[in-house]
């Protein structure tokens, strides 16, 4: 009998890790797949900031595949994913997370992959009732249907709570060796992880997706509101994670580095934006994101920059503005008093 082959959606979390292992233990050949949307960049923030330095600087999907001893396919879907984010059929969650449409999209892409590569079925780590936006029992058949995967989609952690699938009917896996996890209590998963000897796995908190984060989502909305279109690039996604974002005028905002790690990271964008930094005192690097930025705007930004540096209490601070083409200009400003920085400026 030919060995059955399955592709498992590997997010880097514990659930997908356990689901994959459960199926592997039944003799199925399993490989992993991870879809890179641009909104799950693990290890990046705590790699450039002092905060979170004790966390492992790793890609959890790659780490999971290594623990399982399986091959992992990483597929770039940044451009295709834009339509999911911009036009979600089923709307957003608490923030800007289109969870149901996202899951449907990824399973559809996995279906395309198994059809192109001669695999038999798809594995996900979904658990009935764990996430209200995408893992309710009434939504699971909707996702299976709208993705096109239908009975080729197996959810091993909750299989006993769901209808029989193709993998069970064909005898590729045994239903009584699947699980019946249900609800948001993660103790059963943790117990199973201990049984398998899995340690140091990622702590669940909305997965690694930044779209589940309220502050990040607000920055995305602000970006859309102040541009002529809602289109975005990968650099936009990355910069929304870095620095303080202050919008003193509707047509431009300031991205202010909060520490040396962020300043060094932002250096890589100085050929794309007007940048400011103080030369008379130690201070942050600042990028100005916008169009038609005038000399008056740069003066205003200079006063704000001075406020966030070590010259905040000085009578005057020298600031250098540098344009993407390398042109630079020094000017002197008085730091803006804290009470003049309007709270509504903060994105």
Protein backbone atom coordinates (compact mmCIF):
# COMPACT_ATOMS: atom_id res chain seq x y z
CA UNK A 1 0.00 0.00 0.00
CA UNK A 2 1.33 3.44 -0.93
CA UNK A 3 2.07 5.61 2.10
CA UNK A 4 -0.39 8.49 2.44
CA UNK A 5 1.07 12.00 2.30
CA UNK A 6 -0.22 15.11 4.06
CA UNK A 7 0.74 18.76 4.25
CA UNK A 8 0.38 20.43 7.63
CA UNK A 9 -0.17 24.16 8.12
CA UNK A 10 2.63 25.12 10.52
CA UNK A 11 2.08 28.43 12.27
CA UNK A 12 4.81 27.95 14.86
CA UNK A 13 2.31 27.47 17.67
CA UNK A 14 1.71 24.42 19.85
CA UNK A 15 -1.55 23.31 18.22
CA UNK A 16 -0.15 22.82 14.73
CA UNK A 17 2.86 21.07 16.23
CA UNK A 18 0.68 18.59 18.11
CA UNK A 19 -1.70 18.02 15.20
CA UNK A 20 1.24 17.17 12.95
CA UNK A 21 2.75 14.77 15.46
CA UNK A 22 -0.58 12.94 16.00
CA UNK A 23 -0.81 12.20 12.27
CA UNK A 24 2.88 11.34 11.89
CA UNK A 25 2.49 8.73 14.63
CA UNK A 26 0.00 6.90 12.39
CA UNK A 27 2.60 6.37 9.68
CA UNK A 28 1.58 9.19 7.36
CA UNK A 29 4.32 11.09 5.53
CA UNK A 30 3.90 14.72 6.63
CA UNK A 31 5.56 17.88 5.43
CA UNK A 32 4.88 21.37 6.72
CA UNK A 33 3.85 24.56 4.97
CA UNK A 34 3.98 28.13 6.26
CA UNK A 35 2.43 31.05 4.40
CA UNK A 36 4.33 34.32 4.83
CA UNK A 37 1.82 37.19 4.79
CA UNK A 38 4.22 39.81 6.11
CA UNK A 39 2.27 40.24 9.34
CA UNK A 40 3.95 37.43 11.22
CA UNK A 41 7.60 38.40 11.59
CA UNK A 42 8.66 36.51 14.69
CA UNK A 43 11.78 37.47 16.58
CA UNK A 44 12.08 40.84 14.83
CA UNK A 45 10.90 43.22 17.56
CA UNK A 46 12.81 41.71 20.46
CA UNK A 47 15.87 41.30 18.23
CA UNK A 48 16.18 45.08 17.71
CA UNK A 49 14.90 46.24 21.12
CA UNK A 50 16.26 45.66 24.63
CA UNK A 51 12.78 44.64 25.73
CA UNK A 52 12.25 40.90 25.39
CA UNK A 53 15.92 40.08 24.92
CA UNK A 54 15.51 36.84 26.86
CA UNK A 55 13.03 35.50 24.31
CA UNK A 56 14.51 33.15 21.71
CA UNK A 57 15.23 34.97 18.45
CA UNK A 58 13.84 32.36 16.14
CA UNK A 59 11.27 31.68 13.49
CA UNK A 60 8.86 29.43 15.38
CA UNK A 61 7.61 27.69 12.23
CA UNK A 62 11.16 26.61 11.36
CA UNK A 63 11.80 25.63 14.98
CA UNK A 64 8.62 23.51 15.01
CA UNK A 65 9.60 21.72 11.82
CA UNK A 66 13.02 21.01 13.31
CA UNK A 67 11.49 19.52 16.47
CA UNK A 68 9.24 17.30 14.37
CA UNK A 69 11.98 16.38 11.91
CA UNK A 70 9.95 17.34 8.86
CA UNK A 71 10.54 19.41 5.76
CA UNK A 72 8.99 22.91 5.84
CA UNK A 73 7.89 24.84 2.75
CA UNK A 74 7.72 28.62 3.30
CA UNK A 75 5.53 30.30 0.69
CA UNK A 76 5.50 34.08 0.15
CA UNK A 77 1.89 35.25 -0.21
CA UNK A 78 2.35 38.94 0.67
CA UNK A 79 0.76 40.24 -2.53
CA UNK A 80 -2.05 37.68 -2.66
CA UNK A 81 -2.87 38.30 1.00
CA UNK A 82 -3.62 41.98 0.41
CA UNK A 83 -7.11 41.20 -0.87
CA UNK A 84 -7.81 39.11 2.25
CA UNK A 85 -6.90 42.03 4.49
CA UNK A 86 -8.48 44.78 2.43
CA UNK A 87 -11.72 43.00 1.48
CA UNK A 88 -12.56 40.29 4.02
CA UNK A 89 -15.84 38.59 3.14
CA UNK A 90 -16.50 37.76 6.79
CA UNK A 91 -15.17 40.98 8.29
CA UNK A 92 -12.61 41.64 11.02
CA UNK A 93 -12.21 40.43 14.58
CA UNK A 94 -11.68 42.69 17.58
CA UNK A 95 -8.95 44.54 15.69
CA UNK A 96 -7.90 44.33 12.03
CA UNK A 97 -7.68 40.54 11.98
CA UNK A 98 -9.69 38.86 9.17
CA UNK A 99 -9.36 35.48 10.88
CA UNK A 100 -12.03 33.47 9.06
CA UNK A 101 -11.01 34.75 5.62
CA UNK A 102 -7.35 34.25 6.52
CA UNK A 103 -7.86 30.61 7.49
CA UNK A 104 -9.91 29.97 4.36
CA UNK A 105 -7.21 31.58 2.20
CA UNK A 106 -4.41 29.50 3.73
CA UNK A 107 -6.30 26.22 3.40
CA UNK A 108 -7.12 27.10 -0.22
CA UNK A 109 -3.42 27.72 -0.89
CA UNK A 110 -2.56 24.43 0.82
CA UNK A 111 -5.09 22.67 -1.40
CA UNK A 112 -3.40 24.11 -4.49
CA UNK A 113 -0.08 22.89 -3.12
CA UNK A 114 -1.18 19.28 -2.50
CA UNK A 115 -2.78 19.09 -5.94
CA UNK A 116 0.45 20.30 -7.54
CA UNK A 117 2.64 17.97 -5.49
CA UNK A 118 0.66 14.76 -5.31
CA UNK A 119 -0.23 14.86 -1.62
CA UNK A 120 -3.47 13.42 -0.24
CA UNK A 121 -4.84 15.68 2.49
CA UNK A 122 -4.34 18.79 4.67
CA UNK A 123 -3.74 19.02 8.42
CA UNK A 124 -4.47 22.03 10.62
CA UNK A 125 -4.14 22.55 14.36
CA UNK A 126 -7.65 23.99 14.74
CA UNK A 127 -9.55 23.20 17.94
CA UNK A 128 -13.33 23.48 18.13
CA UNK A 129 -14.34 26.51 20.18
CA UNK A 130 -10.82 27.83 20.77
CA UNK A 131 -11.05 31.03 18.72
CA UNK A 132 -14.38 32.83 18.31
CA UNK A 133 -13.53 34.34 14.92
CA UNK A 134 -12.44 31.21 13.06
CA UNK A 135 -12.78 28.07 15.20
CA UNK A 136 -16.44 27.91 16.18
CA UNK A 137 -17.99 24.56 15.38
CA UNK A 138 -20.52 26.16 13.03
CA UNK A 139 -17.73 27.94 11.10
CA UNK A 140 -15.47 24.94 10.56
CA UNK A 141 -17.57 23.40 7.77
CA UNK A 142 -17.90 26.85 6.17
CA UNK A 143 -14.11 27.22 6.03
CA UNK A 144 -13.74 23.68 4.63
CA UNK A 145 -16.34 24.41 1.95
CA UNK A 146 -15.23 27.92 0.95
CA UNK A 147 -11.57 26.88 0.75
CA UNK A 148 -12.51 24.02 -1.57
CA UNK A 149 -10.72 21.50 0.64
CA UNK A 150 -13.90 19.81 1.87
CA UNK A 151 -13.21 16.30 3.21
CA UNK A 152 -9.52 16.59 2.41
CA UNK A 153 -9.15 18.81 5.48
CA UNK A 154 -8.32 17.00 8.73
CA UNK A 155 -8.30 18.66 12.17
CA UNK A 156 -6.67 15.94 14.33
CA UNK A 157 -6.99 17.72 17.68
CA UNK A 158 -10.80 17.91 17.40
CA UNK A 159 -11.49 15.11 14.88
CA UNK A 160 -13.73 13.17 17.28
CA UNK A 161 -16.01 16.20 17.54
CA UNK A 162 -16.30 16.60 13.76
CA UNK A 163 -17.65 14.55 10.81
CA UNK A 164 -15.51 11.84 9.27
CA UNK A 165 -13.02 12.99 6.62
CA UNK A 166 -11.44 11.42 3.55
CA UNK A 167 -8.30 10.43 5.48
CA UNK A 168 -10.38 8.39 7.92
CA UNK A 169 -12.62 6.84 5.30
CA UNK A 170 -9.63 5.77 3.18
CA UNK A 171 -7.95 4.24 6.22
CA UNK A 172 -4.95 6.57 6.10
CA UNK A 173 -5.55 7.45 9.75
CA UNK A 174 -7.62 5.84 12.54
CA UNK A 175 -10.35 7.94 14.07
CA UNK A 176 -9.95 6.40 17.52
CA UNK A 177 -6.33 7.62 17.57
CA UNK A 178 -7.42 11.21 16.91
CA UNK A 179 -8.41 13.60 19.71
CA UNK A 180 -11.54 15.39 20.90
CA UNK A 181 -10.21 18.68 22.27
CA UNK A 182 -12.82 21.38 22.69
CA UNK A 183 -12.94 24.95 24.02
CA UNK A 184 -10.35 27.50 25.10
CA UNK A 185 -8.76 25.52 27.93
CA UNK A 186 -5.24 24.68 26.79
CA UNK A 187 -4.34 22.26 29.57
CA UNK A 188 -5.04 19.20 27.36
CA UNK A 189 -2.61 20.53 24.73
CA UNK A 190 0.03 21.24 27.36
CA UNK A 191 -0.38 17.75 28.80
CA UNK A 192 0.00 16.20 25.35
CA UNK A 193 3.08 18.35 24.71
CA UNK A 194 4.62 17.03 27.92
CA UNK A 195 3.80 13.48 26.84
CA UNK A 196 5.65 14.05 23.56
CA UNK A 197 8.52 15.81 25.31
CA UNK A 198 7.94 19.17 23.59
CA UNK A 199 9.38 22.10 25.53
CA UNK A 200 10.04 25.80 24.92
CA UNK A 201 7.14 26.08 22.46
CA UNK A 202 5.62 29.46 21.67
CA UNK A 203 3.06 30.85 24.12
CA UNK A 204 -0.28 31.40 22.36
CA UNK A 205 -1.60 34.99 22.25
CA UNK A 206 -3.35 35.53 18.95
CA UNK A 207 -0.62 33.62 17.22
CA UNK A 208 2.20 35.71 15.80
CA UNK A 209 -0.13 37.91 13.73
CA UNK A 210 0.29 41.62 14.39
CA UNK A 211 -3.21 42.28 13.05
CA UNK A 212 -4.60 40.93 16.34
CA UNK A 213 -2.76 43.71 18.21
CA UNK A 214 -4.87 46.81 18.91
CA UNK A 215 -2.03 49.34 18.73
CA UNK A 216 -0.63 47.90 15.52
CA UNK A 217 -4.08 47.82 13.91
CA UNK A 218 -4.62 51.49 14.74
CA UNK A 219 -1.38 52.35 12.96
CA UNK A 220 -2.51 50.44 9.87
CA UNK A 221 -5.83 52.33 9.84
CA UNK A 222 -4.02 55.66 10.28
CA UNK A 223 -1.75 54.82 7.34
CA UNK A 224 -4.76 54.05 5.13
CA UNK A 225 -6.63 57.19 6.19
CA UNK A 226 -3.77 59.47 5.23
CA UNK A 227 -2.87 57.93 1.89
CA UNK A 228 -4.61 58.06 -1.47
CA UNK A 229 -5.12 54.27 -1.39
CA UNK A 230 -5.10 51.39 1.06
CA UNK A 231 -2.32 49.60 -0.78
CA UNK A 232 0.81 48.83 1.24
CA UNK A 233 4.30 47.41 0.83
CA UNK A 234 6.35 45.11 3.04
CA UNK A 235 8.41 48.08 4.30
CA UNK A 236 5.18 49.70 5.52
CA UNK A 237 4.37 46.59 7.53
CA UNK A 238 7.80 46.57 9.14
CA UNK A 239 7.95 50.27 9.99
CA UNK A 240 4.58 50.16 11.72
CA UNK A 241 6.26 47.92 14.31
CA UNK A 242 9.11 50.31 15.05
CA UNK A 243 9.32 53.52 17.07
CA UNK A 244 6.79 56.08 18.29
CA UNK A 245 4.43 57.23 15.55
CA UNK A 246 3.37 60.86 15.87
CA UNK A 247 1.27 62.75 13.33
CA UNK A 248 1.57 66.50 14.05
CA UNK A 249 0.03 67.38 10.67
CA UNK A 250 -2.41 65.39 8.49
CA UNK A 251 0.03 65.12 5.55
CA UNK A 252 3.01 63.66 7.42
CA UNK A 253 3.94 61.66 10.46
CA UNK A 254 7.12 61.14 12.43
CA UNK A 255 8.57 57.73 13.28
CA UNK A 256 10.80 58.30 16.32
CA UNK A 257 13.29 55.65 17.40
CA UNK A 258 12.87 54.64 21.03
CA UNK A 259 16.33 53.17 21.60
CA UNK A 260 19.61 52.39 19.85
CA UNK A 261 18.38 49.12 18.33
CA UNK A 262 15.48 50.87 16.62
CA UNK A 263 17.68 53.78 15.52
CA UNK A 264 20.08 51.35 13.86
CA UNK A 265 17.24 49.50 12.15
CA UNK A 266 15.72 52.75 10.87
CA UNK A 267 19.08 53.78 9.37
CA UNK A 268 18.26 51.41 6.54
CA UNK A 269 15.33 53.62 5.48
CA UNK A 270 17.15 56.95 5.25
CA UNK A 271 17.29 56.71 1.45
CA UNK A 272 13.49 56.47 1.35
CA UNK A 273 12.46 59.21 3.80
CA UNK A 274 13.56 62.59 5.06
CA UNK A 275 15.40 61.87 8.31
CA UNK A 276 16.19 64.05 11.33
CA UNK A 277 18.53 63.71 14.27
CA UNK A 278 20.09 66.06 16.79
CA UNK A 279 23.80 66.83 16.40
CA UNK A 280 24.35 68.97 19.50
CA UNK A 281 22.88 66.41 21.89
CA UNK A 282 22.32 62.66 21.87
CA UNK A 283 18.88 61.80 20.58
CA UNK A 284 16.74 59.53 18.41
CA UNK A 285 16.69 59.07 14.66
CA UNK A 286 13.42 60.21 13.11
CA UNK A 287 11.86 59.41 9.73
CA UNK A 288 9.27 61.72 8.18
CA UNK A 289 6.64 59.75 6.28
CA UNK A 290 4.46 61.87 4.00
CA UNK A 291 4.28 64.07 0.93
CA UNK A 292 4.84 67.78 0.28
CA UNK A 293 6.77 68.22 3.52
CA UNK A 294 7.66 71.92 3.79
CA UNK A 295 10.47 73.74 5.59
CA UNK A 296 7.91 74.78 8.19
CA UNK A 297 6.99 71.11 8.73
CA UNK A 298 10.66 70.22 9.17
CA UNK A 299 11.09 73.01 11.73
CA UNK A 300 8.10 71.67 13.67
CA UNK A 301 9.44 68.12 13.49
CA UNK A 302 12.85 69.39 14.63
CA UNK A 303 11.33 70.90 17.79
CA UNK A 304 9.60 67.60 18.54
CA UNK A 305 12.79 65.63 17.87
CA UNK A 306 14.65 67.87 20.31
CA UNK A 307 12.04 67.12 22.95
CA UNK A 308 12.75 63.39 22.76
CA UNK A 309 16.55 63.75 23.04
CA UNK A 310 18.97 64.66 25.80
CA UNK A 311 18.69 68.33 24.86
CA UNK A 312 15.06 68.52 25.96
CA UNK A 313 15.92 71.02 28.73
CA UNK A 314 18.41 73.07 26.67
CA UNK A 315 17.61 76.53 25.33
CA UNK A 316 18.48 75.41 21.80
CA UNK A 317 19.32 72.20 19.98
CA UNK A 318 20.97 71.71 16.59
CA UNK A 319 19.12 69.32 14.29
CA UNK A 320 20.23 67.94 10.96
CA UNK A 321 17.68 67.14 8.26
CA UNK A 322 18.80 64.80 5.51
CA UNK A 323 16.93 64.08 2.27
CA UNK A 324 16.97 60.71 0.46
CA UNK A 325 19.35 62.09 -2.21
CA UNK A 326 21.92 62.88 0.48
CA UNK A 327 21.33 66.63 0.74
CA UNK A 328 21.57 67.75 4.38
CA UNK A 329 20.82 70.93 6.29
CA UNK A 330 21.49 71.92 9.91
CA UNK A 331 19.17 74.22 11.83
CA UNK A 332 18.67 75.30 15.42
CA UNK A 333 15.41 74.98 17.35
CA UNK A 334 14.08 75.32 20.84
CA UNK A 335 12.74 71.97 22.15
CA UNK A 336 8.97 71.78 22.21
CA UNK A 337 7.62 71.78 25.79
CA UNK A 338 5.92 68.56 26.79
CA UNK A 339 2.59 70.31 27.33
CA UNK A 340 2.55 71.48 23.69
CA UNK A 341 2.78 67.93 22.33
CA UNK A 342 -0.87 67.05 21.80
CA UNK A 343 -1.90 63.56 22.86
CA UNK A 344 -3.99 63.14 19.72
CA UNK A 345 -0.80 63.32 17.65
CA UNK A 346 0.20 59.86 18.86
CA UNK A 347 -0.94 57.19 16.44
